[in-house]
Amino acid sequence: MKKKVLFCATVDYHFKAFHLPYLKWFKEQGWEVHVAASGELKLPFVDRKFNIPIQRSPFKKENIVAYKTLKKIIEKNQYEMIHCHTPMGGVITRLAARASRKTGTKVIYTAHGFHFCKGSSFINWLLYYPIERLLANSTDCLITINQEDFNLAKTHQFNSKQILRVHGVGVNTEIFRPVSETDKHELRKEQGYLPEDFLMFYAAEFNKNKNHKLLIESLALIKEEVPRVKLLLAGEGPLLKECQDYAIQLGVDHMIAFLGYRHDIDVLLRMSDIAVASSFREGLPVNIMEAMSCALPVIANDNRGHRELIQNNYTGWTILDGKHGFSEKIKILAANTDLRYQMGLNGRNEILTKYSIHKVLEEKTNIYRGLMADKEEMVWAVR
């Protein structure tokens, strides 16, 4: 009989966006692959898909239904391994898998950025920290994706059997790749931009954490000095209209393209000059890795995920002093083509060396093999 693995998360799009290579790997090893999450997406490399009503908010009553449903699924299918992701997906799955774990099921949880971290609110620490620490007891392997979270889990003695760090979810460096200046100009022409435009790109949902207003304010500070600057914002979300109105208020709406949800992020990155990111909190942001893979220098608000990826004065800058720091660095890169090129090249090399899908797949498959071999020490330690 085939071995079975179950992947769980809050929403099924999480797997489409980040985990298809790992689902594929299990299929290639002869495993039966199941996925449980909210949503009705059809996913490749999946034998069975369960739509369960996990909600992002811990206070939604649907999560009780999701827990009971998932517990029955786990008990019925007798999985060899369960890998859960996202805060609520991780909570409900580990609770539902407690009995199964006693009979040998290996339970893995990837923390894509703890909600409690240095600088986060007291409420986040009060709510999420005790839950994560308690559930570490029901985890065979806790995977972190940045050094700060790894250190936090170790320092606070999370009682998971293993605590490891991997380099995120991996970037497809063949899709996210730089192009020649000629190709870049052609892409711009197709999208309605000129070769002399200075294009800054940010892909993120319009919500409080992503902090788009910082970018709009930075743009307002340089609109006279860098008149050809254009800020391309891909994404939707609850604060979209508010940000559009704010751009009008500051007189920069003509310099911003609100692109909505896009399926061509790779194209938009290739035709851009730099990437920017304004979020308050990140685990290890894929949007930054994709930008660096396309050889773009990055200017980003200072947080643990951005610090993990961006080396100041080498691949870009992390900014501590808000809109003034952003605007100054934007002006520097707008005026210096050679610096943009060198920083972009440095970033591309960083991605190829540490964060490519091939590197991360190797890290994770060694974890899977080590767990299934039930060794006390990993065959290969992720450093």
Protein backbone atom coordinates (compact mmCIF):
# COMPACT_ATOMS: atom_id res chain seq x y z
CA MET A 1 0.00 0.00 0.00
CA LYS A 2 1.22 3.49 -0.87
CA LYS A 3 2.45 5.78 1.86
CA LYS A 4 0.21 8.81 2.37
CA VAL A 5 1.15 12.41 3.07
CA LEU A 6 -1.26 15.20 4.01
CA PHE A 7 -0.55 18.89 3.41
CA CYS A 8 -2.71 21.39 5.33
CA ALA A 9 -3.10 25.16 5.26
CA THR A 10 -5.77 27.77 5.80
CA VAL A 11 -6.51 28.25 2.08
CA ASP A 12 -5.70 26.04 -0.88
CA TYR A 13 -4.17 28.86 -2.92
CA HIS A 14 -1.22 28.69 -0.53
CA PHE A 15 -0.22 25.39 -2.14
CA LYS A 16 -0.69 26.60 -5.69
CA ALA A 17 1.49 29.62 -4.96
CA PHE A 18 4.28 28.03 -2.94
CA HIS A 19 4.28 24.25 -2.66
CA LEU A 20 3.65 22.52 -5.98
CA PRO A 21 7.30 21.35 -6.32
CA TYR A 22 7.00 19.54 -2.97
CA LEU A 23 3.69 17.90 -3.84
CA LYS A 24 5.29 16.78 -7.09
CA TRP A 25 8.31 15.35 -5.26
CA PHE A 26 6.12 13.13 -3.07
CA LYS A 27 4.24 11.87 -6.14
CA GLU A 28 7.55 11.02 -7.81
CA GLN A 29 8.54 9.03 -4.72
CA GLY A 30 5.37 6.95 -5.07
CA TRP A 31 3.38 8.54 -2.24
CA GLU A 32 -0.34 9.26 -2.25
CA VAL A 33 -0.72 13.02 -1.79
CA HIS A 34 -3.68 14.62 0.01
CA VAL A 35 -4.39 18.30 0.64
CA ALA A 36 -6.78 19.83 3.20
CA ALA A 37 -7.60 23.54 3.12
CA SER A 38 -10.43 25.97 2.52
CA GLY A 39 -11.20 26.37 -1.18
CA GLU A 40 -12.06 24.44 -4.30
CA LEU A 41 -8.94 24.87 -6.43
CA LYS A 42 -7.87 21.88 -8.51
CA LEU A 43 -4.24 21.24 -7.70
CA PRO A 44 -1.79 19.15 -9.71
CA PHE A 45 0.05 16.22 -8.10
CA VAL A 46 -2.82 15.73 -5.61
CA ASP A 47 -4.74 12.45 -5.26
CA ARG A 48 -7.40 13.71 -2.83
CA LYS A 49 -8.43 17.24 -1.93
CA PHE A 50 -10.51 18.11 1.14
CA ASN A 51 -12.27 21.47 1.35
CA ILE A 52 -12.49 22.27 5.05
CA PRO A 53 -13.63 25.63 6.47
CA ILE A 54 -10.45 26.85 8.18
CA GLN A 55 -10.63 30.59 8.88
CA ARG A 56 -7.73 32.99 9.36
CA SER A 57 -9.24 34.44 12.52
CA PRO A 58 -8.87 32.18 15.58
CA PHE A 59 -12.25 33.40 16.84
CA LYS A 60 -14.40 32.03 14.00
CA LYS A 61 -16.72 29.16 14.95
CA GLU A 62 -16.07 27.51 11.58
CA ASN A 63 -12.67 26.49 12.93
CA ILE A 64 -14.39 24.08 15.34
CA VAL A 65 -16.07 22.38 12.36
CA ALA A 66 -12.74 22.37 10.52
CA TYR A 67 -11.02 20.71 13.49
CA LYS A 68 -13.61 17.95 13.79
CA THR A 69 -13.62 17.32 10.04
CA LEU A 70 -9.85 17.22 9.81
CA LYS A 71 -9.57 14.91 12.81
CA LYS A 72 -11.84 12.38 11.08
CA ILE A 73 -9.85 12.65 7.84
CA ILE A 74 -6.57 12.04 9.65
CA GLU A 75 -7.92 9.09 11.67
CA LYS A 76 -9.39 7.47 8.56
CA ASN A 77 -6.36 7.81 6.27
CA GLN A 78 -3.55 6.93 8.69
CA TYR A 79 -0.94 9.25 7.19
CA GLU A 80 2.75 8.57 7.50
CA MET A 81 3.44 12.31 7.41
CA ILE A 82 1.49 15.55 7.81
CA HIS A 83 2.97 18.91 6.84
CA CYS A 84 0.99 21.98 7.91
CA HIS A 85 1.40 25.63 7.04
CA THR A 86 -0.06 29.07 7.97
CA PRO A 87 -0.94 30.04 11.57
CA MET A 88 -4.48 28.65 11.79
CA GLY A 89 -3.76 25.76 9.46
CA GLY A 90 -0.89 24.85 11.76
CA VAL A 91 -2.97 25.17 14.93
CA ILE A 92 -5.97 23.13 13.79
CA THR A 93 -3.89 20.44 12.07
CA ARG A 94 -1.61 19.80 15.02
CA LEU A 95 -4.57 19.61 17.39
CA ALA A 96 -6.37 17.22 15.06
CA ALA A 97 -3.28 15.03 14.59
CA ARG A 98 -2.42 14.46 18.26
CA ALA A 99 -3.87 10.95 18.45
CA SER A 100 -2.45 9.94 15.08
CA ARG A 101 1.00 11.19 16.07
CA LYS A 102 1.02 8.77 19.00
CA THR A 103 0.80 5.91 16.51
CA GLY A 104 3.74 7.10 14.43
CA THR A 105 2.52 9.88 12.13
CA LYS A 106 5.22 12.53 11.70
CA VAL A 107 3.91 16.08 12.03
CA ILE A 108 5.78 19.01 10.49
CA TYR A 109 4.88 22.67 10.85
CA THR A 110 6.45 25.44 8.77
CA ALA A 111 6.22 28.85 10.42
CA HIS A 112 6.17 31.31 7.54
CA GLY A 113 6.94 34.09 10.00
CA PHE A 114 5.80 34.02 13.62
CA HIS A 115 3.12 36.64 14.32
CA PHE A 116 5.00 37.39 17.52
CA CYS A 117 8.47 38.76 16.88
CA LYS A 118 10.75 41.62 17.79
CA GLY A 119 8.71 44.80 17.44
CA SER A 120 5.30 43.13 17.12
CA SER A 121 2.38 44.17 19.30
CA PHE A 122 1.68 42.97 22.83
CA ILE A 123 -1.60 41.50 21.57
CA ASN A 124 0.27 39.34 19.06
CA TRP A 125 2.58 38.06 21.79
CA LEU A 126 -0.35 37.47 24.13
CA LEU A 127 -2.37 35.54 21.53
CA TYR A 128 0.08 33.69 19.30
CA TYR A 129 3.14 33.04 21.48
CA PRO A 130 1.51 30.72 24.06
CA ILE A 131 -0.33 28.83 21.30
CA GLU A 132 2.83 28.22 19.27
CA ARG A 133 4.85 27.25 22.31
CA LEU A 134 2.18 24.84 23.53
CA LEU A 135 1.70 23.23 20.11
CA ALA A 136 5.44 22.73 19.72
CA ASN A 137 4.87 19.72 21.99
CA SER A 138 2.73 18.23 19.20
CA THR A 139 5.31 18.86 16.47
CA ASP A 140 8.02 16.49 15.28
CA CYS A 141 9.74 19.14 13.20
CA LEU A 142 9.28 22.91 13.43
CA ILE A 143 10.64 24.58 10.30
CA THR A 144 11.44 28.28 10.38
CA ILE A 145 12.32 30.34 7.30
CA ASN A 146 14.42 33.11 8.81
CA GLN A 147 17.18 33.33 11.38
CA GLU A 148 15.25 35.52 13.82
CA ASP A 149 12.39 33.02 14.11
CA PHE A 150 14.84 30.14 14.41
CA ASN A 151 16.66 31.91 17.26
CA LEU A 152 13.37 32.79 18.94
CA ALA A 153 12.15 29.19 18.90
CA LYS A 154 15.47 28.00 20.28
CA THR A 155 15.80 30.73 22.90
CA HIS A 156 12.26 30.25 24.18
CA GLN A 157 12.79 26.49 24.25
CA PHE A 158 9.94 25.43 21.99
CA ASN A 159 9.61 21.75 22.76
CA SER A 160 9.42 20.45 19.20
CA LYS A 161 11.51 17.33 18.59
CA GLN A 162 13.49 19.25 15.97
CA ILE A 163 13.75 22.94 15.11
CA LEU A 164 15.27 23.63 11.72
CA ARG A 165 15.65 26.50 9.29
CA VAL A 166 15.24 26.38 5.52
CA HIS A 167 15.58 29.16 2.97
CA GLY A 168 11.90 29.86 2.38
CA VAL A 169 9.76 28.17 -0.26
CA GLY A 170 12.21 28.62 -3.12
CA VAL A 171 12.17 30.73 -6.28
CA ASN A 172 11.97 29.45 -9.85
CA THR A 173 15.03 31.23 -11.21
CA GLU A 174 14.22 30.23 -14.77
CA ILE A 175 10.88 32.06 -14.70
CA PHE A 176 12.12 34.94 -12.56
CA ARG A 177 15.20 35.98 -14.51
CA PRO A 178 16.70 39.20 -15.85
CA VAL A 179 16.48 40.20 -19.52
CA SER A 180 18.56 42.37 -21.84
CA GLU A 181 17.95 46.10 -22.12
CA THR A 182 16.46 45.54 -25.57
CA ASP A 183 13.96 43.01 -24.23
CA LYS A 184 13.21 45.26 -21.25
CA HIS A 185 12.36 48.16 -23.56
CA GLU A 186 10.13 45.90 -25.64
CA LEU A 187 8.26 44.74 -22.53
CA ARG A 188 7.78 48.36 -21.51
CA LYS A 189 6.43 49.25 -24.91
CA GLU A 190 3.90 46.42 -24.67
CA GLN A 191 2.77 47.67 -21.24
CA GLY A 192 2.64 51.35 -22.27
CA TYR A 193 5.85 52.63 -20.66
CA LEU A 194 8.87 54.43 -22.13
CA PRO A 195 12.56 53.42 -21.94
CA GLU A 196 13.35 56.56 -19.92
CA ASP A 197 10.68 55.87 -17.28
CA PHE A 198 12.03 54.86 -13.87
CA LEU A 199 9.82 51.96 -12.81
CA MET A 200 9.48 50.82 -9.19
CA PHE A 201 7.51 47.65 -8.51
CA TYR A 202 5.69 46.25 -5.47
CA ALA A 203 3.37 43.22 -5.41
CA ALA A 204 1.32 42.98 -2.23
CA GLU A 205 -2.23 42.86 -0.94
CA PHE A 206 -3.55 46.26 0.10
CA ASN A 207 -3.82 45.76 3.85
CA LYS A 208 -2.53 47.44 6.98
CA ASN A 209 0.62 45.33 7.25
CA LYS A 210 1.77 46.02 3.68
CA ASN A 211 1.83 49.75 4.47
CA HIS A 212 1.47 51.11 0.90
CA LYS A 213 1.03 54.65 2.20
CA LEU A 214 4.75 54.78 3.00
CA LEU A 215 5.54 54.35 -0.70
CA ILE A 216 2.98 56.94 -1.75
CA GLU A 217 4.44 59.45 0.71
CA SER A 218 7.98 58.70 -0.50
CA LEU A 219 6.90 59.28 -4.06
CA ALA A 220 5.41 62.65 -3.13
CA LEU A 221 8.80 63.74 -1.77
CA ILE A 222 10.62 63.10 -5.07
CA LYS A 223 8.02 63.91 -7.70
CA GLU A 224 9.85 67.09 -8.73
CA GLU A 225 13.38 65.64 -8.65
CA VAL A 226 12.57 62.34 -10.39
CA PRO A 227 9.70 63.29 -12.70
CA ARG A 228 9.87 60.09 -14.77
CA VAL A 229 9.35 57.81 -11.74
CA LYS A 230 6.41 55.41 -11.88
CA LEU A 231 5.25 53.23 -9.00
CA LEU A 232 3.63 49.98 -10.15
CA LEU A 233 1.44 48.38 -7.49
CA ALA A 234 0.11 44.90 -8.19
CA GLY A 235 -2.56 43.57 -5.87
CA GLU A 236 -6.02 44.02 -4.43
CA GLY A 237 -7.32 44.29 -0.91
CA PRO A 238 -9.42 46.19 1.61
CA LEU A 239 -7.25 49.34 1.60
CA LEU A 240 -6.98 49.73 -2.18
CA LYS A 241 -9.52 52.58 -2.46
CA GLU A 242 -8.02 54.35 0.54
CA CYS A 243 -4.57 54.25 -1.07
CA GLN A 244 -5.94 55.50 -4.38
CA ASP A 245 -7.57 58.44 -2.61
CA TYR A 246 -4.34 59.14 -0.70
CA ALA A 247 -2.38 59.27 -3.95
CA ILE A 248 -4.83 61.86 -5.28
CA GLN A 249 -4.55 63.83 -2.05
CA LEU A 250 -0.75 63.98 -2.33
CA GLY A 251 -0.85 64.80 -6.05
CA VAL A 252 0.97 61.66 -7.23
CA ASP A 253 -1.92 59.60 -8.64
CA HIS A 254 -0.61 60.17 -12.19
CA MET A 255 2.69 58.55 -11.13
CA ILE A 256 1.12 55.38 -9.71
CA ALA A 257 -0.36 52.44 -11.60
CA PHE A 258 -2.80 50.43 -9.50
CA LEU A 259 -2.59 47.20 -11.51
CA GLY A 260 -4.98 44.97 -9.59
CA TYR A 261 -4.39 41.23 -9.32
CA ARG A 262 -1.84 40.09 -11.91
CA HIS A 263 -0.70 36.75 -13.26
CA ASP A 264 2.36 38.22 -15.02
CA ILE A 265 4.50 39.31 -12.06
CA ASP A 266 7.60 37.94 -13.78
CA VAL A 267 7.01 40.21 -16.79
CA LEU A 268 6.39 43.26 -14.62
CA LEU A 269 9.59 42.61 -12.69
CA ARG A 270 11.70 42.16 -15.81
CA MET A 271 10.66 45.55 -17.18
CA SER A 272 11.18 47.39 -13.85
CA ASP A 273 14.26 49.19 -12.56
CA ILE A 274 13.96 48.50 -8.84
CA ALA A 275 11.68 46.75 -6.37
CA VAL A 276 10.31 48.39 -3.23
CA ALA A 277 8.57 46.93 -0.18
CA SER A 278 6.97 48.80 2.70
CA SER A 279 5.50 46.10 4.95
CA PHE A 280 5.82 46.21 8.72
CA ARG A 281 6.16 42.43 9.16
CA GLU A 282 7.47 39.63 6.92
CA GLY A 283 8.70 36.08 7.40
CA LEU A 284 10.75 35.61 4.24
CA PRO A 285 8.94 37.52 1.48
CA VAL A 286 8.60 35.78 -1.86
CA ASN A 287 8.03 39.08 -3.66
CA ILE A 288 11.51 40.25 -2.66
CA MET A 289 13.13 36.96 -3.66
CA GLU A 290 11.42 37.10 -7.05
CA ALA A 291 12.61 40.67 -7.57
CA MET A 292 16.18 39.79 -6.65
CA SER A 293 16.02 36.77 -8.95
CA CYS A 294 15.16 39.21 -11.76
CA ALA A 295 18.30 41.19 -10.83
CA LEU A 296 16.52 44.18 -9.29
CA PRO A 297 17.98 46.12 -6.39
CA VAL A 298 15.53 46.42 -3.50
CA ILE A 299 14.60 49.23 -1.13
CA ALA A 300 12.52 47.90 1.74
CA ASN A 301 11.19 48.85 5.15
CA ASP A 302 13.27 47.33 7.93
CA ASN A 303 11.87 44.05 9.28
CA ARG A 304 13.19 40.55 9.95
CA GLY A 305 12.25 39.09 6.56
CA HIS A 306 13.70 41.99 4.60
CA ARG A 307 16.88 41.97 6.69
CA GLU A 308 17.26 38.27 5.98
CA LEU A 309 17.37 38.87 2.22
CA ILE A 310 18.75 42.37 1.64
CA GLN A 311 22.35 43.30 2.36
CA ASN A 312 22.74 47.04 2.77
CA ASN A 313 24.87 48.67 0.08
CA TYR A 314 25.20 45.31 -1.67
CA THR A 315 21.77 44.19 -2.90
CA GLY A 316 19.80 47.26 -1.81
CA TRP A 317 18.81 48.84 1.49
CA THR A 318 16.53 48.25 4.44
CA ILE A 319 15.14 51.55 5.68
CA LEU A 320 14.72 52.56 9.31
CA ASP A 321 13.71 56.21 8.90
CA GLY A 322 10.51 55.96 6.89
CA LYS A 323 9.58 58.03 3.85
CA HIS A 324 12.67 60.25 4.00
CA GLY A 325 15.01 57.26 3.93
CA PHE A 326 13.02 55.69 1.11
CA SER A 327 12.99 58.83 -0.99
CA GLU A 328 16.74 59.38 -0.62
CA LYS A 329 17.61 55.85 -1.71
CA ILE A 330 15.17 56.01 -4.62
CA LYS A 331 16.91 59.15 -5.85
CA ILE A 332 20.32 57.47 -5.61
CA LEU A 333 19.24 54.49 -7.70
CA ALA A 334 17.31 56.62 -10.19
CA ALA A 335 20.51 58.56 -10.92
CA ASN A 336 22.94 55.64 -11.02
CA THR A 337 22.46 52.95 -13.67
CA ASP A 338 25.73 51.20 -12.83
CA LEU A 339 24.83 50.90 -9.17
CA ARG A 340 21.43 49.44 -10.06
CA TYR A 341 23.08 46.91 -12.32
CA GLN A 342 25.68 45.82 -9.76
CA MET A 343 23.22 45.56 -6.87
CA GLY A 344 20.82 43.62 -9.08
CA LEU A 345 23.56 41.22 -10.14
CA ASN A 346 24.56 40.70 -6.50
CA GLY A 347 20.97 39.92 -5.60
CA ARG A 348 20.55 37.46 -8.44
CA ASN A 349 23.66 35.60 -7.28
CA GLU A 350 22.32 35.45 -3.71
CA ILE A 351 19.11 33.84 -4.92
CA LEU A 352 20.93 31.33 -7.10
CA THR A 353 23.23 30.39 -4.23
CA LYS A 354 20.69 30.02 -1.40
CA TYR A 355 17.07 30.50 -2.38
CA SER A 356 16.43 28.78 -5.71
CA ILE A 357 13.70 26.14 -5.83
CA HIS A 358 16.36 23.47 -6.40
CA LYS A 359 18.27 24.45 -3.24
CA VAL A 360 15.16 24.58 -1.04
CA LEU A 361 13.76 21.35 -2.48
CA GLU A 362 16.99 19.64 -1.48
CA GLU A 363 16.73 21.06 2.04
CA LYS A 364 13.14 19.96 2.52
CA THR A 365 13.45 16.50 0.99
CA ASN A 366 16.33 15.76 3.30
CA ILE A 367 14.10 16.72 6.20
CA TYR A 368 11.34 14.44 4.91
CA ARG A 369 13.77 11.54 4.46
CA GLY A 370 15.27 12.10 7.89
CA LEU A 371 11.88 12.07 9.58
CA MET A 372 10.74 8.96 7.79
CA ALA A 373 13.93 7.19 8.75
CA ASP A 374 13.07 8.18 12.35
CA LYS A 375 16.64 9.13 13.11
CA GLU A 376 17.50 10.99 16.29
CA GLU A 377 19.71 13.34 14.33
CA MET A 378 19.07 14.64 10.85
CA VAL A 379 20.96 13.08 7.97
CA TRP A 380 21.60 16.60 6.73
CA ALA A 381 21.35 19.72 8.88
CA VAL A 382 19.98 22.86 7.32
CA ARG A 383 22.26 25.75 8.16
